[in-house]
Amino acid sequence: MSDWNQFRHDHENSGRLTGSIDEEPERPEPTWDAGVDGSVDAPPVLDRDTVYVGSSAGTVYAFDRYDGRRRWRFETELTLASSLVVTDDSLLVVATDGTVFALEPETGTLRWQGTVSGRVESPPTLSRGVLFIGHGEGVSALEATTGEPLWTHETEAGVVGAPATLAGTDFEHVYVGTSRNRVGALEAETGEEVWAAPTKGSVVGGPTAVPGTEAPRDAGAARIGDDRIGVADRDPSALDPSDDPKSDGPEIDSPTESGLEFGGTDIEPDERTEPLAVEGDIDAGEGDRVYVADDGGLLLALNARTGQSWFTYQISDPFTTAPTVTDDSVFVGAADGYLHVTDTMFGKRKLRGWLFSKKGVNLDGIARAEPALVGDTLCLGDSSGSLYGIDADDPDFGWHYPLEAGVSSGPAISDGSLYVVTDDTRLHCLSWRDETSGWD
């Protein structure tokens, strides 16, 4: 149906487009840009030959994907702060006051209108014909074709970020994070709570749900010490943090790091602790997982079925994006100007420095929107206006394109183009393949 029809591409919040990529994208070149009224706080979405975006001024725009020509606009007179969702027959729009609009994608004609309680600033998620909407009072589930309410689960604090599901597995849960240090799983059919776990701060961007592997991993592929030079392997007295200007120094890598207290529960953010294997679960290295990052600087991997901690990774600055997870690596932006890179098994830093492991890839500005993966290239924009293509297998810059204003949302990606919105309220299309003729 669509190549990027909702926030971060799919109901797992994967941010990955991998199925039809024939070759790795080179540096994209600008194809067109278009202005919108008001700021845009969420990525655009794509369906067939159309790009859709909503603005804080309450306007929904439909642009031709190939030349940027505006096809139609729909005025809501309400603030729009979250991504849109495209289904087979509707464009679903959620305003901050909880009003839900279903529009005809071809014309922008209103099909139906509904509502949920509580303020909505988080992207909705479409999964198996159900629209999950996080809001100030909890999370609600609506039938996507009619808007019929299915259930509402109230939370102690507002839900932040997009919900995520793993609806293709035996554990049909919806995963949500809140503004008050919680992440949890609900039954997708009823909204009943399955488990809840503490975080250090407000969840950023929402959980990222990752299906388990089908075959056991090579146990030697993720051994402790294989993917970084750690301080624990050396005599700290012989090392000077100033020797490596990009190193984190012994403060973060030190094994004397203390535990974190979450409402009386101690969680040890020890990068060297192996994940828990629970009774009846698949062995460590397999099994469904949920990754979350928060504004307290905690990256947390959890068993998707039980909520048990797989690993924790802690920094001193807030994380600013949700995690993007590949088979081997976790990528997450932070306020320190780095795209942090860890492995998926132990939360250990993957990039080597001269003496110390490095946080990750050093950006020109701060990543404010989640990275998107096309093939093996991670596409990411930052607050300085830099747009990057980063090799996800060997994390380093593959290409760079400067925009005139900071990247505020996106990117959304098709086979041949990427779409981002900048702080000067312009939607940009950059292409690495010729899409002017609608080749797909």
Protein backbone atom coordinates (compact mmCIF):
# COMPACT_ATOMS: atom_id res chain seq x y z
CA MET A 1 0.00 0.00 0.00
CA SER A 2 2.40 2.64 1.22
CA ASP A 3 6.12 2.88 1.76
CA TRP A 4 6.03 5.12 4.89
CA ASN A 5 2.42 5.38 5.98
CA GLN A 6 2.89 6.30 9.66
CA PHE A 7 5.38 7.60 12.21
CA ARG A 8 8.68 5.74 11.90
CA HIS A 9 7.30 3.62 9.06
CA ASP A 10 5.42 0.86 10.90
CA HIS A 11 3.63 -0.28 14.06
CA GLU A 12 6.91 -1.44 15.61
CA ASN A 13 8.36 2.11 15.34
CA SER A 14 11.29 0.51 13.53
CA GLY A 15 12.22 3.47 11.34
CA ARG A 16 13.47 0.95 8.76
CA LEU A 17 12.87 0.65 5.02
CA THR A 18 14.75 -2.41 3.82
CA GLY A 19 12.59 -4.62 1.63
CA SER A 20 13.06 -3.15 -1.85
CA ILE A 21 16.45 -1.48 -1.72
CA ASP A 22 18.61 -2.64 -4.65
CA GLU A 23 21.70 -0.63 -3.75
CA GLU A 24 22.90 1.70 -1.04
CA PRO A 25 21.78 5.32 -1.54
CA GLU A 26 24.40 7.87 -2.48
CA ARG A 27 24.27 11.48 -1.30
CA PRO A 28 20.78 12.79 -2.17
CA GLU A 29 20.24 16.00 -4.09
CA PRO A 30 17.39 18.48 -3.60
CA THR A 31 14.40 17.85 -5.83
CA TRP A 32 11.80 20.30 -4.50
CA ASP A 33 10.66 22.12 -1.37
CA ALA A 34 7.35 23.64 -0.32
CA GLY A 35 6.26 25.98 2.45
CA VAL A 36 3.53 25.32 5.01
CA ASP A 37 1.69 27.53 7.50
CA GLY A 38 2.87 27.04 11.07
CA SER A 39 5.51 24.75 12.49
CA VAL A 40 5.65 21.02 11.77
CA ASP A 41 6.46 18.90 14.81
CA ALA A 42 6.16 15.44 13.26
CA PRO A 43 7.49 13.70 10.14
CA PRO A 44 5.47 13.58 6.93
CA VAL A 45 3.92 10.32 5.72
CA LEU A 46 3.83 8.85 2.23
CA ASP A 47 1.20 6.94 0.29
CA ARG A 48 1.67 5.98 -3.36
CA ASP A 49 2.45 9.27 -5.13
CA THR A 50 1.48 11.68 -2.32
CA VAL A 51 3.23 13.22 0.70
CA TYR A 52 1.06 14.35 3.63
CA VAL A 53 1.98 16.65 6.49
CA GLY A 54 0.10 18.51 9.24
CA SER A 55 1.04 21.83 10.81
CA SER A 56 0.55 23.64 14.11
CA ALA A 57 -1.72 26.07 12.25
CA GLY A 58 -4.23 23.23 11.90
CA THR A 59 -3.74 22.59 8.19
CA VAL A 60 -3.27 19.21 6.52
CA TYR A 61 -1.36 19.33 3.23
CA ALA A 62 -1.14 16.83 0.39
CA PHE A 63 1.79 17.29 -2.02
CA ASP A 64 2.66 15.46 -5.19
CA ARG A 65 5.56 13.22 -4.24
CA TYR A 66 7.53 13.84 -7.44
CA ASP A 67 7.29 17.57 -8.07
CA GLY A 68 5.99 19.08 -4.79
CA ARG A 69 2.80 20.45 -6.35
CA ARG A 70 0.12 20.96 -3.70
CA ARG A 71 -2.88 18.76 -4.40
CA TRP A 72 -5.19 19.88 -1.62
CA ARG A 73 -5.31 21.31 1.89
CA PHE A 74 -7.73 20.68 4.74
CA GLU A 75 -8.30 23.29 7.47
CA THR A 76 -9.09 21.97 10.95
CA GLU A 77 -8.79 25.23 12.96
CA LEU A 78 -7.07 23.05 15.59
CA THR A 79 -3.41 22.49 16.41
CA LEU A 80 -1.75 19.44 14.87
CA ALA A 81 1.36 18.23 16.66
CA SER A 82 1.62 14.56 15.69
CA SER A 83 2.19 12.48 12.59
CA LEU A 84 -0.63 11.43 10.31
CA VAL A 85 -1.54 7.85 9.38
CA VAL A 86 -2.56 6.59 5.93
CA THR A 87 -4.71 3.46 5.63
CA ASP A 88 -6.12 1.79 2.52
CA ASP A 89 -8.99 4.27 2.39
CA SER A 90 -8.34 7.09 4.88
CA LEU A 91 -5.87 9.70 6.01
CA LEU A 92 -6.17 9.82 9.80
CA VAL A 93 -5.40 13.11 11.55
CA VAL A 94 -5.38 13.65 15.33
CA ALA A 95 -5.53 17.18 16.73
CA THR A 96 -4.06 18.14 20.10
CA ASP A 97 -7.54 18.44 21.64
CA GLY A 98 -8.22 14.77 20.84
CA THR A 99 -10.35 15.25 17.74
CA VAL A 100 -9.76 12.55 15.13
CA PHE A 101 -10.43 13.31 11.45
CA ALA A 102 -10.61 10.68 8.71
CA LEU A 103 -10.05 12.25 5.29
CA GLU A 104 -10.32 10.88 1.77
CA PRO A 105 -6.63 10.66 0.73
CA GLU A 106 -7.24 11.67 -2.89
CA THR A 107 -9.34 14.78 -2.21
CA GLY A 108 -9.08 15.71 1.48
CA THR A 109 -12.85 15.30 1.93
CA LEU A 110 -13.94 14.54 5.49
CA ARG A 111 -15.15 10.92 5.85
CA TRP A 112 -15.80 10.79 9.60
CA GLN A 113 -14.83 12.53 12.82
CA GLY A 114 -14.29 11.15 16.33
CA THR A 115 -12.58 12.04 19.59
CA VAL A 116 -10.44 10.74 22.44
CA SER A 117 -10.07 12.29 25.87
CA GLY A 118 -6.91 14.09 26.88
CA ARG A 119 -4.41 16.27 25.04
CA VAL A 120 -2.65 14.54 22.13
CA GLU A 121 0.89 15.47 21.13
CA SER A 122 2.16 11.98 20.33
CA PRO A 123 1.96 10.15 16.99
CA PRO A 124 -0.80 7.53 16.70
CA THR A 125 0.03 3.98 15.64
CA LEU A 126 -1.90 1.80 13.21
CA SER A 127 -1.74 -1.96 13.78
CA ARG A 128 -4.10 -4.66 12.50
CA GLY A 129 -6.82 -2.18 11.68
CA VAL A 130 -6.68 -0.51 15.11
CA LEU A 131 -5.51 3.04 15.75
CA PHE A 132 -3.71 3.40 19.09
CA ILE A 133 -3.55 6.99 20.36
CA GLY A 134 -1.53 8.08 23.36
CA HIS A 135 -2.84 11.16 25.16
CA GLY A 136 -2.73 13.11 28.40
CA GLU A 137 -4.97 10.63 30.23
CA GLY A 138 -3.62 7.35 28.86
CA VAL A 139 -4.02 5.45 25.60
CA SER A 140 -7.12 4.77 23.51
CA ALA A 141 -7.83 2.24 20.77
CA LEU A 142 -10.16 3.09 17.86
CA GLU A 143 -11.40 1.01 14.96
CA ALA A 144 -9.46 2.64 12.11
CA THR A 145 -12.16 2.37 9.42
CA THR A 146 -15.01 3.86 11.47
CA GLY A 147 -13.48 5.60 14.50
CA GLU A 148 -15.49 3.40 16.85
CA PRO A 149 -13.91 3.44 20.34
CA LEU A 150 -12.66 0.02 21.44
CA TRP A 151 -11.10 0.76 24.82
CA THR A 152 -9.23 3.36 26.86
CA HIS A 153 -6.56 2.60 29.45
CA GLU A 154 -5.92 5.38 31.94
CA THR A 155 -2.35 5.96 33.12
CA GLU A 156 -1.02 7.91 36.09
CA ALA A 157 0.74 10.29 33.70
CA GLY A 158 0.24 11.18 30.05
CA VAL A 159 1.46 8.83 27.35
CA VAL A 160 4.35 10.28 25.36
CA GLY A 161 5.74 9.11 22.05
CA ALA A 162 4.10 6.68 19.67
CA PRO A 163 2.74 3.36 20.97
CA ALA A 164 4.33 0.25 19.44
CA THR A 165 3.07 -3.26 18.82
CA LEU A 166 4.42 -6.66 17.88
CA ALA A 167 1.09 -7.85 16.56
CA GLY A 168 2.64 -10.54 14.41
CA THR A 169 3.88 -12.53 17.40
CA ASP A 170 2.19 -14.70 20.02
CA PHE A 171 2.33 -11.81 22.48
CA GLU A 172 -0.14 -9.28 21.07
CA HIS A 173 0.69 -6.30 23.23
CA VAL A 174 0.84 -2.55 22.76
CA TYR A 175 3.83 -0.83 24.36
CA VAL A 176 3.60 2.71 25.71
CA GLY A 177 5.80 5.14 27.62
CA THR A 178 4.70 7.95 29.94
CA SER A 179 5.96 11.34 31.01
CA ARG A 180 6.51 10.08 34.56
CA ASN A 181 9.18 7.46 34.28
CA ARG A 182 7.23 4.42 33.14
CA VAL A 183 7.10 2.07 30.18
CA GLY A 184 4.58 -0.73 29.99
CA ALA A 185 2.70 -3.31 27.94
CA LEU A 186 -1.07 -3.52 27.51
CA GLU A 187 -3.22 -6.23 25.97
CA ALA A 188 -3.90 -4.98 22.46
CA GLU A 189 -7.47 -6.32 22.44
CA THR A 190 -8.59 -5.12 25.88
CA GLY A 191 -6.16 -2.47 27.12
CA GLU A 192 -5.47 -4.40 30.31
CA GLU A 193 -2.01 -3.90 31.78
CA VAL A 194 0.43 -6.79 31.30
CA TRP A 195 3.54 -5.30 32.90
CA ALA A 196 5.11 -1.96 33.78
CA ALA A 197 8.73 -1.00 34.33
CA PRO A 198 10.43 2.16 35.61
CA THR A 199 12.59 4.50 33.56
CA LYS A 200 14.71 7.38 34.79
CA GLY A 201 12.76 10.14 33.01
CA SER A 202 10.08 10.85 30.44
CA VAL A 203 10.21 8.42 27.53
CA VAL A 204 11.36 10.07 24.27
CA GLY A 205 9.68 9.22 20.96
CA GLY A 206 8.01 6.08 22.26
CA PRO A 207 9.15 2.44 22.53
CA THR A 208 10.83 0.61 19.66
CA ALA A 209 9.59 -2.99 19.43
CA VAL A 210 11.97 -5.54 17.91
CA PRO A 211 10.91 -9.09 16.94
CA GLY A 212 13.10 -11.94 18.13
CA THR A 213 15.55 -13.66 15.85
CA GLU A 214 14.50 -16.89 14.17
CA ALA A 215 17.84 -18.64 14.65
CA PRO A 216 20.27 -18.49 17.58
CA ARG A 217 22.96 -15.85 17.35
CA ASP A 218 26.60 -16.83 17.36
CA ALA A 219 27.43 -16.52 21.02
CA GLY A 220 30.91 -15.30 20.12
CA ALA A 221 29.55 -12.35 18.16
CA ALA A 222 28.68 -10.30 21.22
CA ARG A 223 31.19 -11.34 23.83
CA ILE A 224 32.09 -8.71 26.38
CA GLY A 225 35.13 -6.80 25.22
CA ASP A 226 34.77 -7.85 21.56
CA ASP A 227 33.25 -4.60 20.34
CA ARG A 228 35.09 -1.92 22.28
CA ILE A 229 38.24 -1.08 24.16
CA GLY A 230 36.99 -0.79 27.71
CA VAL A 231 38.55 0.92 30.70
CA ALA A 232 37.96 -2.20 32.74
CA ASP A 233 40.52 -3.99 30.55
CA ARG A 234 43.28 -1.49 31.36
CA ASP A 235 44.94 0.16 34.31
CA PRO A 236 43.02 3.44 34.76
CA SER A 237 46.07 5.10 36.32
CA ALA A 238 47.92 4.67 33.03
CA LEU A 239 45.29 6.48 30.97
CA ASP A 240 44.66 10.17 30.49
CA PRO A 241 41.22 11.09 29.12
CA SER A 242 42.79 14.03 27.29
CA ASP A 243 44.75 11.55 25.16
CA ASP A 244 41.62 11.04 23.09
CA PRO A 245 39.61 14.22 22.47
CA LYS A 246 36.52 12.20 21.52
CA SER A 247 36.71 9.77 24.40
CA ASP A 248 34.23 9.75 27.23
CA GLY A 249 36.95 9.34 29.80
CA PRO A 250 36.74 6.96 32.71
CA GLU A 251 33.65 8.58 34.19
CA ILE A 252 31.17 6.63 32.07
CA ASP A 253 33.21 3.52 31.44
CA SER A 254 34.18 3.13 35.10
CA PRO A 255 32.94 -0.10 36.71
CA THR A 256 32.28 1.83 39.93
CA GLU A 257 29.15 3.42 38.44
CA SER A 258 26.36 3.54 41.01
CA GLY A 259 22.83 2.25 40.65
CA LEU A 260 19.85 4.41 39.76
CA GLU A 261 16.85 4.76 42.02
CA PHE A 262 13.40 4.70 40.42
CA GLY A 263 10.75 5.01 43.07
CA GLY A 264 12.69 2.84 45.48
CA THR A 265 13.81 0.30 42.85
CA ASP A 266 17.53 0.08 42.13
CA ILE A 267 18.50 -0.62 38.53
CA GLU A 268 22.17 -1.11 37.86
CA PRO A 269 23.14 0.50 34.54
CA ASP A 270 26.07 -1.87 34.17
CA GLU A 271 27.04 -2.31 30.54
CA ARG A 272 28.76 -5.61 31.40
CA THR A 273 25.72 -7.40 32.83
CA GLU A 274 24.30 -10.15 30.64
CA PRO A 275 20.54 -10.05 29.93
CA LEU A 276 18.20 -12.14 32.01
CA ALA A 277 16.89 -15.40 30.58
CA VAL A 278 13.41 -16.06 31.98
CA GLU A 279 11.69 -19.41 32.35
CA GLY A 280 9.89 -20.38 29.18
CA ASP A 281 11.49 -17.58 27.19
CA ILE A 282 13.82 -17.92 24.25
CA ASP A 283 17.50 -17.99 25.15
CA ALA A 284 19.45 -14.76 25.63
CA GLY A 285 20.13 -13.26 22.21
CA GLU A 286 16.68 -14.15 20.93
CA GLY A 287 13.15 -13.17 21.87
CA ASP A 288 11.07 -10.06 21.35
CA ARG A 289 12.43 -6.91 22.95
CA VAL A 290 11.38 -3.33 23.61
CA TYR A 291 13.93 -0.50 23.57
CA VAL A 292 13.22 2.90 25.14
CA ALA A 293 15.25 6.04 25.73
CA ASP A 294 14.33 8.83 28.15
CA ASP A 295 15.23 12.42 28.96
CA GLY A 296 17.07 11.22 32.06
CA GLY A 297 19.79 9.75 29.85
CA LEU A 298 18.75 6.10 30.19
CA LEU A 299 18.59 3.65 27.30
CA LEU A 300 16.75 0.53 28.38
CA ALA A 301 16.18 -2.81 26.64
CA LEU A 302 13.38 -4.98 28.01
CA ASN A 303 11.98 -8.43 27.44
CA ALA A 304 8.80 -7.69 25.49
CA ARG A 305 6.79 -10.42 27.18
CA THR A 306 7.80 -9.87 30.80
CA GLY A 307 9.24 -6.36 31.04
CA GLN A 308 12.43 -7.72 32.61
CA SER A 309 15.54 -5.68 31.95
CA TRP A 310 17.80 -6.93 29.18
CA PHE A 311 20.37 -4.15 29.59
CA THR A 312 20.66 -0.50 30.62
CA TYR A 313 22.96 2.15 29.17
CA GLN A 314 23.31 5.46 31.01
CA ILE A 315 24.71 8.86 29.98
CA SER A 316 24.73 12.20 31.77
CA ASP A 317 22.70 14.08 29.12
CA PRO A 318 19.10 13.61 28.02
CA PHE A 319 18.36 11.39 25.06
CA THR A 320 16.50 13.31 22.38
CA THR A 321 15.26 10.54 20.06
CA ALA A 322 13.81 7.08 20.34
CA PRO A 323 16.17 4.20 19.52
CA THR A 324 16.57 2.90 15.98
CA VAL A 325 17.60 -0.76 16.16
CA THR A 326 19.34 -2.89 13.54
CA ASP A 327 20.30 -6.55 13.86
CA ASP A 328 23.55 -5.59 15.59
CA SER A 329 23.32 -1.97 16.77
CA VAL A 330 21.17 0.52 18.63
CA PHE A 331 21.30 4.18 17.50
CA VAL A 332 19.90 6.99 19.66
CA GLY A 333 20.44 10.76 19.60
CA ALA A 334 21.28 12.78 22.70
CA ALA A 335 21.61 16.38 23.85
CA ASP A 336 25.40 16.02 23.97
CA GLY A 337 25.46 16.19 20.16
CA TYR A 338 26.23 12.52 19.61
CA LEU A 339 24.36 9.76 17.89
CA HIS A 340 25.10 7.09 20.49
CA VAL A 341 25.84 3.59 19.20
CA THR A 342 25.60 0.42 21.32
CA ASP A 343 25.27 -3.25 20.54
CA THR A 344 21.83 -4.83 20.87
CA MET A 345 22.77 -7.56 23.34
CA PHE A 346 24.61 -5.85 26.19
CA GLY A 347 24.24 -2.11 25.54
CA LYS A 348 28.01 -1.83 25.11
CA ARG A 349 29.46 0.98 23.05
CA LYS A 350 30.52 -0.24 19.64
CA LEU A 351 32.89 2.45 18.39
CA ARG A 352 36.55 2.27 19.34
CA GLY A 353 38.67 5.25 20.21
CA TRP A 354 42.42 5.33 20.60
CA LEU A 355 42.25 4.26 24.23
CA PHE A 356 38.57 4.50 25.15
CA SER A 357 35.33 3.51 23.53
CA LYS A 358 33.54 6.44 21.91
CA LYS A 359 29.96 7.50 22.58
CA GLY A 360 29.09 7.27 18.92
CA VAL A 361 29.02 9.59 15.92
CA ASN A 362 29.67 13.26 16.68
CA LEU A 363 27.08 15.50 14.94
CA ASP A 364 27.16 19.21 14.08
CA GLY A 365 24.02 19.80 16.17
CA ILE A 366 21.51 17.88 18.26
CA ALA A 367 19.35 15.16 16.74
CA ARG A 368 15.74 16.08 17.45
CA ALA A 369 14.05 13.47 15.26
CA GLU A 370 14.52 9.74 15.06
CA PRO A 371 17.02 8.31 12.56
CA ALA A 372 15.58 6.39 9.61
CA LEU A 373 17.26 3.39 8.02
CA VAL A 374 17.23 2.75 4.27
CA GLY A 375 19.18 -0.37 3.39
CA ASP A 376 22.31 -0.09 5.52
CA THR A 377 22.33 3.72 5.56
CA LEU A 378 21.04 5.63 8.56
CA CYS A 379 19.52 8.99 7.50
CA LEU A 380 19.47 11.66 10.20
CA GLY A 381 19.02 15.42 10.48
CA ASP A 382 20.05 17.70 13.35
CA SER A 383 19.38 21.13 14.82
CA SER A 384 22.17 22.74 12.74
CA GLY A 385 20.48 21.80 9.47
CA SER A 386 22.92 19.02 8.66
CA LEU A 387 21.46 15.96 6.99
CA TYR A 388 23.61 12.85 7.22
CA GLY A 389 23.90 9.42 5.69
CA ILE A 390 25.67 7.17 8.20
CA ASP A 391 26.89 3.65 7.47
CA ALA A 392 24.98 1.51 9.96
CA ASP A 393 27.36 -1.44 9.68
CA ASP A 394 30.53 0.58 10.32
CA PRO A 395 29.08 3.74 11.86
CA ASP A 396 30.69 6.71 10.16
CA PHE A 397 29.62 9.47 7.78
CA GLY A 398 28.86 8.30 4.27
CA TRP A 399 27.45 11.59 3.02
CA HIS A 400 26.38 15.00 4.29
CA TYR A 401 23.97 17.61 2.96
CA PRO A 402 23.53 21.07 4.57
CA LEU A 403 20.06 22.59 4.80
CA GLU A 404 19.41 26.26 5.56
CA ALA A 405 17.54 25.63 8.82
CA GLY A 406 17.51 23.00 11.54
CA VAL A 407 15.77 19.71 10.81
CA SER A 408 12.67 19.57 12.99
CA SER A 409 11.10 16.29 11.89
CA GLY A 410 11.59 13.24 9.75
CA PRO A 411 13.00 11.86 7.70
CA ALA A 412 10.32 9.84 5.97
CA ILE A 413 11.78 7.66 3.23
CA SER A 414 10.77 6.06 -0.05
CA ASP A 415 12.93 3.87 -2.28
CA GLY A 416 14.37 6.91 -4.04
CA SER A 417 13.79 9.98 -1.87
CA LEU A 418 13.70 11.28 1.67
CA TYR A 419 11.45 13.99 3.08
CA VAL A 420 12.23 16.27 6.01
CA VAL A 421 10.75 19.44 7.49
CA THR A 422 12.99 22.27 8.68
CA ASP A 423 12.55 25.01 11.27
CA ASP A 424 11.71 27.55 8.57
CA THR A 425 8.48 25.52 8.00
CA ARG A 426 9.53 24.06 4.67
CA LEU A 427 9.07 20.49 3.50
CA HIS A 428 12.10 19.26 1.56
CA CYS A 429 12.39 16.36 -0.87
CA LEU A 430 15.89 15.09 -1.59
CA SER A 431 16.42 12.22 -4.02
CA TRP A 432 19.13 9.72 -4.86
CA ARG A 433 17.08 8.27 -7.72
CA ASP A 434 14.98 9.98 -10.38
CA GLU A 435 11.39 9.90 -9.14
CA THR A 436 10.05 12.55 -11.51
CA SER A 437 8.30 9.93 -13.63
CA GLY A 438 6.86 7.90 -10.76
CA TRP A 439 9.16 4.96 -11.39
CA ASP A 440 7.70 2.84 -8.62
